[in-house]
Protein backbone atom coordinates (compact mmCIF):
# COMPACT_ATOMS: atom_id res chain seq x y z
CA MET A 1 -22.60 120.90 -27.96
CA ARG A 2 -22.06 123.06 -30.59
CA ILE A 3 -19.09 124.53 -31.75
CA ALA A 4 -20.47 128.52 -31.46
CA ASP A 5 -21.71 127.38 -27.90
CA TYR A 6 -17.48 127.83 -26.41
CA LEU A 7 -17.59 130.38 -29.10
CA GLN A 8 -18.12 134.66 -27.47
CA LEU A 9 -20.39 135.74 -30.00
CA PRO A 10 -22.53 138.91 -30.84
CA THR A 11 -26.04 138.06 -29.90
CA SER A 12 -26.46 140.53 -32.68
CA THR A 13 -25.32 140.47 -36.39
CA ASP A 14 -26.66 144.17 -37.29
CA VAL A 15 -23.82 145.79 -39.27
CA ASP A 16 -24.25 148.74 -37.17
CA GLN A 17 -22.82 147.74 -34.15
CA PHE A 18 -19.64 146.81 -35.35
CA ILE A 19 -19.07 150.45 -36.60
CA VAL A 20 -17.15 152.83 -34.60
CA ARG A 21 -17.83 156.14 -34.02
CA LEU A 22 -15.33 157.91 -32.70
CA CYS A 23 -17.25 161.26 -31.50
CA GLY A 24 -21.25 162.39 -32.59
CA GLN A 25 -24.67 162.20 -32.20
CA ASP A 26 -24.45 158.48 -32.45
CA TRP A 27 -21.51 157.59 -30.10
CA THR A 28 -22.92 156.40 -26.60
CA PRO A 29 -20.90 155.46 -23.54
CA GLU A 30 -22.11 151.84 -23.91
CA ALA A 31 -20.73 151.62 -27.28
CA GLU A 32 -16.82 153.12 -25.73
CA ASP A 33 -16.43 150.34 -23.54
CA ASP A 34 -17.28 147.97 -25.63
CA ASN A 35 -15.00 149.29 -27.83
CA LEU A 36 -12.13 149.32 -25.70
CA ARG A 37 -13.56 145.78 -24.46
CA THR A 38 -12.76 144.50 -27.94
CA TYR A 39 -9.49 146.04 -29.24
CA VAL A 40 -6.46 143.92 -30.49
CA VAL A 41 -3.20 145.02 -30.90
CA THR A 42 -1.50 143.04 -33.22
CA ASP A 43 2.10 141.87 -32.76
CA LYS A 44 2.33 143.89 -35.56
CA LEU A 45 0.93 147.17 -33.85
CA ARG A 46 1.79 146.99 -30.82
CA PRO A 47 6.03 148.44 -32.27
CA SER A 48 4.14 150.42 -34.49
CA LEU A 49 2.53 152.18 -30.97
CA ASP A 50 5.55 151.48 -28.85
CA ALA A 51 7.04 154.28 -31.84
CA PHE A 52 4.20 156.70 -31.96
CA LEU A 53 4.47 156.68 -27.88
CA THR A 54 7.59 157.00 -27.65
CA ALA A 55 8.31 160.22 -30.44
CA THR A 56 4.86 162.22 -29.36
CA GLY A 57 6.22 161.48 -25.61
CA ALA A 58 9.74 163.41 -26.73
CA SER A 59 7.80 165.74 -28.48
CA PHE A 60 5.81 167.17 -25.68
CA ALA A 61 8.34 166.99 -23.09
CA GLN A 62 10.26 169.78 -26.42
CA ASN A 63 7.09 171.54 -26.36
CA LYS A 64 6.68 170.50 -30.13
CA PRO A 65 3.85 169.44 -32.59
CA ILE A 66 3.66 166.29 -33.98
CA GLY A 67 1.69 164.62 -36.29
CA ARG A 68 0.43 161.21 -37.42
CA PHE A 69 -1.62 159.50 -40.04
CA ILE A 70 -3.42 156.31 -39.05
CA TYR A 71 -3.82 155.04 -41.92
CA GLY A 72 -5.76 151.50 -43.23
CA THR A 73 -7.73 150.54 -45.24
CA PHE A 74 -11.97 150.81 -44.66
CA GLY A 75 -12.94 148.41 -41.15
CA SER A 76 -9.50 147.73 -40.55
CA GLY A 77 -9.98 149.67 -37.37
CA LYS A 78 -8.63 153.47 -37.39
CA SER A 79 -11.80 154.43 -35.46
CA HIS A 80 -11.29 151.84 -33.32
CA LEU A 81 -7.71 152.19 -32.27
CA MET A 82 -8.12 156.01 -32.12
CA THR A 83 -11.19 155.86 -29.32
CA VAL A 84 -8.10 153.46 -27.25
CA LEU A 85 -5.33 155.99 -27.78
CA GLY A 86 -7.80 158.93 -26.64
CA LYS A 87 -8.43 156.91 -23.10
CA MET A 88 -4.87 156.49 -22.86
CA LEU A 89 -3.70 160.10 -23.24
CA GLU A 90 -6.50 160.84 -20.90
CA ARG A 91 -5.53 158.91 -18.42
CA ASP A 92 -8.43 156.70 -18.14
CA GLU A 93 -8.09 153.77 -15.81
CA LYS A 94 -10.64 151.53 -17.51
CA VAL A 95 -8.43 151.42 -20.92
CA TYR A 96 -6.18 149.22 -19.16
CA ALA A 97 -8.54 147.81 -16.69
CA ILE A 98 -10.72 145.69 -19.49
CA GLY A 99 -8.34 146.56 -22.77
CA HIS A 100 -6.08 144.47 -24.66
CA ARG A 101 -3.17 143.44 -22.14
CA ALA A 102 -0.93 145.22 -24.92
CA LEU A 103 -1.89 148.31 -23.42
CA ARG A 104 -0.97 147.93 -19.66
CA GLU A 105 2.35 146.67 -20.72
CA LEU A 106 2.16 149.85 -23.11
CA ARG A 107 1.90 152.03 -19.80
CA HIS A 108 4.59 150.93 -18.34
CA GLU A 109 6.74 151.16 -20.84
CA GLN A 110 5.91 154.86 -21.66
CA PRO A 111 5.47 156.82 -17.74
CA TRP A 112 4.81 159.99 -19.55
CA LEU A 113 1.48 159.20 -20.60
CA ASP A 114 0.96 159.18 -16.80
CA GLN A 115 2.87 161.59 -15.72
CA ARG A 116 1.23 164.32 -18.36
CA LYS A 117 -2.53 165.97 -18.31
CA THR A 118 -3.41 166.07 -21.90
CA LEU A 119 -6.68 167.04 -23.88
CA VAL A 120 -8.47 164.76 -25.73
CA VAL A 121 -10.30 166.99 -28.72
CA ARG A 122 -12.11 164.20 -30.51
CA LEU A 123 -13.73 165.16 -34.49
CA ASN A 124 -15.31 163.66 -37.33
CA MET A 125 -15.48 165.57 -40.26
CA MET A 126 -18.28 164.47 -41.91
CA GLY A 127 -20.93 167.26 -42.51
CA ARG A 128 -18.48 169.96 -41.45
CA GLU A 129 -18.41 172.84 -43.87
CA ASN A 130 -14.55 173.43 -43.31
CA LEU A 131 -11.07 172.33 -41.03
CA ARG A 132 -10.58 175.71 -39.09
CA GLY A 133 -14.21 176.20 -37.76
CA ALA A 134 -14.47 172.55 -36.97
CA LEU A 135 -11.22 172.11 -34.73
CA TYR A 136 -12.69 175.51 -32.81
CA ASP A 137 -16.21 173.41 -32.72
CA ALA A 138 -14.33 170.63 -31.63
CA TYR A 139 -12.30 172.45 -28.93
CA THR A 140 -15.22 174.42 -27.35
CA GLU A 141 -17.08 170.89 -26.65
CA ALA A 142 -14.08 169.73 -25.47
CA VAL A 143 -13.65 172.01 -22.68
CA GLU A 144 -16.75 172.82 -21.91
CA ARG A 145 -17.60 168.70 -21.12
CA ARG A 146 -14.92 169.44 -18.24
CA GLY A 147 -16.81 172.51 -16.91
CA CYS A 148 -14.51 175.37 -18.40
CA ILE A 149 -15.74 178.50 -20.39
CA ALA A 150 -14.17 178.37 -23.81
CA PRO A 151 -12.19 180.63 -25.12
CA THR A 152 -13.48 183.52 -27.69
CA LEU A 153 -12.45 182.15 -31.01
CA SER A 154 -14.29 184.32 -33.46
CA ASP A 155 -14.76 187.81 -33.61
CA HIS A 156 -18.17 188.69 -33.32
CA GLU A 157 -19.04 190.27 -30.19
CA GLU A 158 -16.72 192.99 -31.05
CA ILE A 159 -18.86 193.25 -34.61
CA PHE A 160 -21.60 193.21 -32.82
CA ARG A 161 -20.11 195.72 -30.08
CA ARG A 162 -19.59 198.17 -33.38
CA PHE A 163 -22.84 197.84 -35.36
CA GLU A 164 -24.42 199.20 -31.04
CA ALA A 165 -21.95 201.77 -31.18
CA ASP A 166 -23.05 203.05 -34.60
CA GLY A 167 -26.47 202.87 -33.54
CA ALA A 168 -25.54 205.10 -29.83
CA ARG A 169 -24.32 207.98 -32.14
CA TYR A 170 -27.17 207.78 -34.92
CA PRO A 171 -30.42 209.92 -35.09
CA GLY A 172 -32.85 208.05 -32.54
CA GLY A 173 -30.07 205.58 -31.32
CA LEU A 174 -29.49 202.22 -31.78
CA GLY A 175 -33.83 201.46 -32.06
CA ALA A 176 -33.84 203.71 -35.09
CA TYR A 177 -30.98 202.78 -36.57
CA LEU A 178 -31.96 198.78 -36.16
CA ALA A 179 -35.52 199.62 -37.55
CA MET A 180 -33.41 201.62 -40.71
CA ALA A 181 -31.18 198.86 -40.76
CA ILE A 182 -33.85 195.85 -40.85
CA ALA A 183 -35.57 198.04 -43.60
CA ASP A 184 -32.77 197.29 -45.75
CA GLU A 185 -31.93 194.05 -44.62
CA PRO A 186 -34.50 192.42 -43.49
CA ARG A 187 -32.82 189.04 -42.04
CA LEU A 188 -31.36 191.53 -39.27
CA ALA A 189 -35.09 191.46 -37.55
CA GLU A 190 -33.44 188.52 -35.59
CA TRP A 191 -31.16 191.05 -33.75
CA HIS A 192 -32.21 191.37 -30.50
CA LEU A 193 -33.36 187.44 -30.19
CA THR A 194 -29.86 185.57 -31.23
CA ARG A 195 -28.05 188.39 -29.53
CA GLU A 196 -28.79 187.28 -26.71
CA ASN A 197 -29.78 184.06 -26.76
CA GLY A 198 -28.62 182.58 -29.55
CA THR A 199 -26.55 179.68 -30.41
CA LEU A 200 -23.08 179.86 -31.71
CA GLU A 201 -23.36 179.23 -35.09
CA ALA A 202 -26.35 181.94 -35.36
CA LYS A 203 -24.57 184.28 -33.78
CA LEU A 204 -21.64 183.78 -36.15
CA ASN A 205 -24.33 184.18 -38.76
CA LEU A 206 -25.66 187.25 -37.40
CA ALA A 207 -22.46 188.60 -37.41
CA ALA A 208 -21.67 188.02 -41.10
CA LEU A 209 -25.33 189.88 -41.88
CA VAL A 210 -23.91 192.86 -39.63
CA LYS A 211 -20.78 192.92 -40.84
CA GLY A 212 -21.42 192.35 -44.70
CA TRP A 213 -24.06 194.98 -44.77
CA ARG A 214 -21.94 197.61 -42.84
CA ASP A 215 -18.82 197.30 -44.36
CA HIS A 216 -19.93 196.15 -47.68
CA GLY A 217 -23.20 197.34 -48.68
CA SER A 218 -24.04 193.10 -48.81
CA ALA A 219 -25.11 191.10 -46.37
CA ASP A 220 -24.54 188.22 -48.26
CA ALA A 221 -20.66 189.44 -48.85
CA VAL A 222 -19.47 187.98 -45.18
CA ALA A 223 -20.04 183.82 -44.30
CA GLY A 224 -20.83 183.53 -40.84
CA ASP A 225 -17.35 181.22 -40.73
CA ASP A 226 -15.36 184.18 -42.07
CA VAL A 227 -15.70 185.83 -38.47
CA ARG A 228 -14.18 183.44 -37.03
CA VAL A 229 -9.99 184.35 -36.10
CA THR A 230 -7.60 183.14 -38.07
CA LEU A 231 -6.07 179.42 -37.47
CA ARG A 232 -2.90 181.01 -36.45
CA GLU A 233 -4.48 183.29 -34.12
CA GLY A 234 -6.71 180.82 -32.71
CA MET A 235 -4.43 177.63 -32.61
CA GLY A 236 -2.64 180.49 -30.14
CA ARG A 237 -5.42 181.13 -28.23
CA ILE A 238 -6.46 177.48 -27.40
CA ALA A 239 -3.11 176.83 -26.60
CA LEU A 240 -3.00 179.62 -23.81
CA HIS A 241 -6.50 178.99 -22.59
CA ALA A 242 -5.62 174.51 -22.18
CA LYS A 243 -2.28 175.86 -20.09
CA GLU A 244 -4.39 178.11 -18.10
CA ASN A 245 -6.80 175.03 -17.60
CA GLY A 246 -3.78 172.85 -16.29
CA PHE A 247 -3.42 170.67 -19.46
CA ASP A 248 -0.03 169.90 -20.60
CA GLY A 249 -0.25 169.16 -24.33
CA ILE A 250 -3.55 168.65 -26.41
CA ALA A 251 -4.39 165.71 -28.33
CA TRP A 252 -6.48 166.40 -32.14
CA LEU A 253 -7.93 163.08 -33.12
CA ILE A 254 -9.43 163.39 -36.48
CA ASP A 255 -11.71 161.29 -38.29
CA GLU A 256 -12.73 161.04 -42.03
CA LEU A 257 -10.73 163.41 -42.93
CA VAL A 258 -9.60 161.79 -46.45
CA ILE A 259 -13.19 160.95 -47.27
CA TRP A 260 -14.46 164.76 -46.77
CA LEU A 261 -11.68 166.27 -48.50
CA ARG A 262 -12.46 164.56 -51.72
CA GLY A 263 -15.61 166.72 -51.99
CA LYS A 264 -13.71 170.08 -52.02
CA ARG A 265 -12.92 171.73 -55.48
CA ALA A 266 -9.42 173.05 -56.22
CA GLN A 267 -9.30 176.62 -53.74
CA GLU A 268 -10.98 175.32 -50.80
CA TYR A 269 -8.61 172.06 -51.17
CA SER A 270 -5.66 174.07 -51.30
CA SER A 271 -7.14 176.19 -48.15
CA GLN A 272 -7.76 172.82 -45.57
CA ILE A 273 -4.55 171.25 -46.48
CA ASN A 274 -2.66 174.33 -45.98
CA ASP A 275 -4.75 174.16 -42.38
CA LEU A 276 -4.19 170.59 -41.69
CA SER A 277 -0.17 171.35 -41.59
CA ALA A 278 -0.33 174.22 -39.74
CA MET A 279 -1.35 172.37 -37.17
CA VAL A 280 2.43 170.88 -37.18
CA ASP A 281 4.33 174.12 -38.05
CA GLY A 282 7.26 173.46 -35.45
CA GLU A 283 7.61 177.14 -36.25
CA MET A 284 3.80 177.84 -34.87
CA ALA A 285 5.42 178.64 -31.25
CA ARG A 286 2.59 177.47 -28.63
CA VAL A 287 2.94 177.13 -24.97
CA VAL A 288 1.92 174.09 -24.96
CA PRO A 289 2.27 171.17 -27.96
CA PHE A 290 0.31 169.47 -30.28
CA LEU A 291 -0.39 166.22 -31.15
CA VAL A 292 -2.43 165.39 -34.50
CA VAL A 293 -3.29 162.11 -34.75
CA VAL A 294 -5.26 161.70 -38.16
CA ALA A 295 -7.42 158.39 -39.93
CA VAL A 296 -6.54 158.30 -43.54
CA GLN A 297 -8.09 155.61 -45.74
CA HIS A 298 -5.59 156.59 -48.82
CA ASP A 299 -2.60 158.51 -49.30
CA ILE A 300 -2.75 161.98 -49.09
CA GLN A 301 -1.34 162.89 -52.76
CA THR A 302 -4.17 160.79 -54.12
CA THR A 303 -7.25 163.57 -52.95
CA CYS A 304 -5.66 166.17 -55.27
CA PRO A 305 -9.04 167.38 -56.67
CA GLU A 306 -9.27 167.38 -61.09
CA ASP A 307 -9.29 170.95 -60.85
CA MET A 308 -6.46 171.66 -59.31
CA SER A 309 -3.82 173.86 -61.39
CA GLU A 310 -1.70 175.54 -58.64
CA ALA A 311 1.78 174.42 -59.56
CA GLY A 312 3.89 172.08 -57.60
CA PHE A 313 0.96 171.74 -55.54
CA ARG A 314 1.20 168.01 -55.63
CA ASP A 315 4.61 168.25 -54.73
CA LYS A 316 3.56 170.63 -51.36
CA LEU A 317 1.48 167.32 -50.79
CA GLY A 318 4.38 165.28 -50.22
CA HIS A 319 5.88 167.96 -48.12
CA VAL A 320 2.51 167.55 -46.07
CA ALA A 321 2.05 163.83 -45.82
CA ASP A 322 5.81 163.68 -45.05
CA ARG A 323 5.03 165.76 -41.43
CA PHE A 324 2.71 163.12 -40.43
CA LYS A 325 5.52 160.44 -40.97
CA PRO A 326 6.00 158.10 -39.74
CA HIS A 327 2.22 156.23 -40.34
CA VAL A 328 0.22 153.76 -38.16
CA THR A 329 -0.37 151.57 -40.51
CA LEU A 330 -2.97 148.56 -39.96
CA GLU A 331 -2.26 145.44 -41.68
CA GLU A 332 -5.12 143.69 -43.46
CA GLN A 333 -3.02 140.76 -41.86
CA ASP A 334 -4.15 141.86 -38.64
CA LEU A 335 -7.65 141.12 -39.05
CA TYR A 336 -6.48 137.49 -38.99
CA GLN A 337 -5.20 137.94 -35.40
CA VAL A 338 -7.85 140.13 -34.20
CA ALA A 339 -10.55 137.49 -35.51
CA GLU A 340 -8.62 134.83 -33.38
CA GLN A 341 -8.88 136.89 -29.90
CA ARG A 342 -12.20 138.29 -30.89
CA VAL A 343 -14.54 136.33 -33.31
CA LEU A 344 -13.22 133.16 -31.94
CA ALA A 345 -12.69 134.23 -28.76
CA LEU A 346 -13.18 131.33 -25.79
CA ARG A 347 -16.04 131.63 -23.26
CA GLU A 348 -15.01 132.28 -19.98
CA ASP A 349 -17.51 129.72 -18.66
């Protein structure tokens, strides 16, 4: 017999099957199960996971936010680890049934995992416009998947009501008012269709057109995302909504943030960093605690754009990074143990 006959080698070597997706269109339940089954908790990683879970349990008990960066190079297993952590926080028995033995040991050592009902919100930042909108959309998807009605995280309905109130006062009523508005701004012709049956994104864009045309004299003066409520207001609504639906805390698992940030110009970059920092701001009192876990490939202080001229901002980046310490670091040396237990795993037969 050949050596390969004794090993649990994959049937395909297609590189795509080795890419772990936390969420998104390419995510599948089958791939997730395989990720849970194959994740290896290395000897070096285990103490870091224990410390991470201990700190999270303590913060949740005190209703305080906590942030952590999962740091590692490309292919080191950051998304893989977040997949496992998400299932542990969701109290999913499957992760313990088919996952690495160390996960069962950690569950025994961290009883709060089974005592607290945590809502896990998964988010990949690639293709997103901004962090605030991405967080709101990811939360909406997470609660609707559980059969809950999502909270209102934008002002589009209020903008629509004001437009309709203006129309009621206009000579000839709403129909005449809308015809006048369409003559001035043809894109408002989508009013009835979008108002009644449009997606959230379509409604936000329509509300932005209405607000820009009504308040500023230019339909392009307001962007669709500007219709969303502020991060402080939105996170307050989200925390209250989670509590009302029986959750004791929210875990935000954010993937690909650093790669996404690298494409931002100075002003937008500063805004996104401020929003990330606000997520773990202890001064923002919320009715349930937040855990914010972010996968990063590089020190966040190295992502500052070249056109950033704001004095002291690089120092502020250091302060933001401190809010996510200590990091959970995936060492390259761990790959030897991963290879031993995955690539060179013996066949059961």
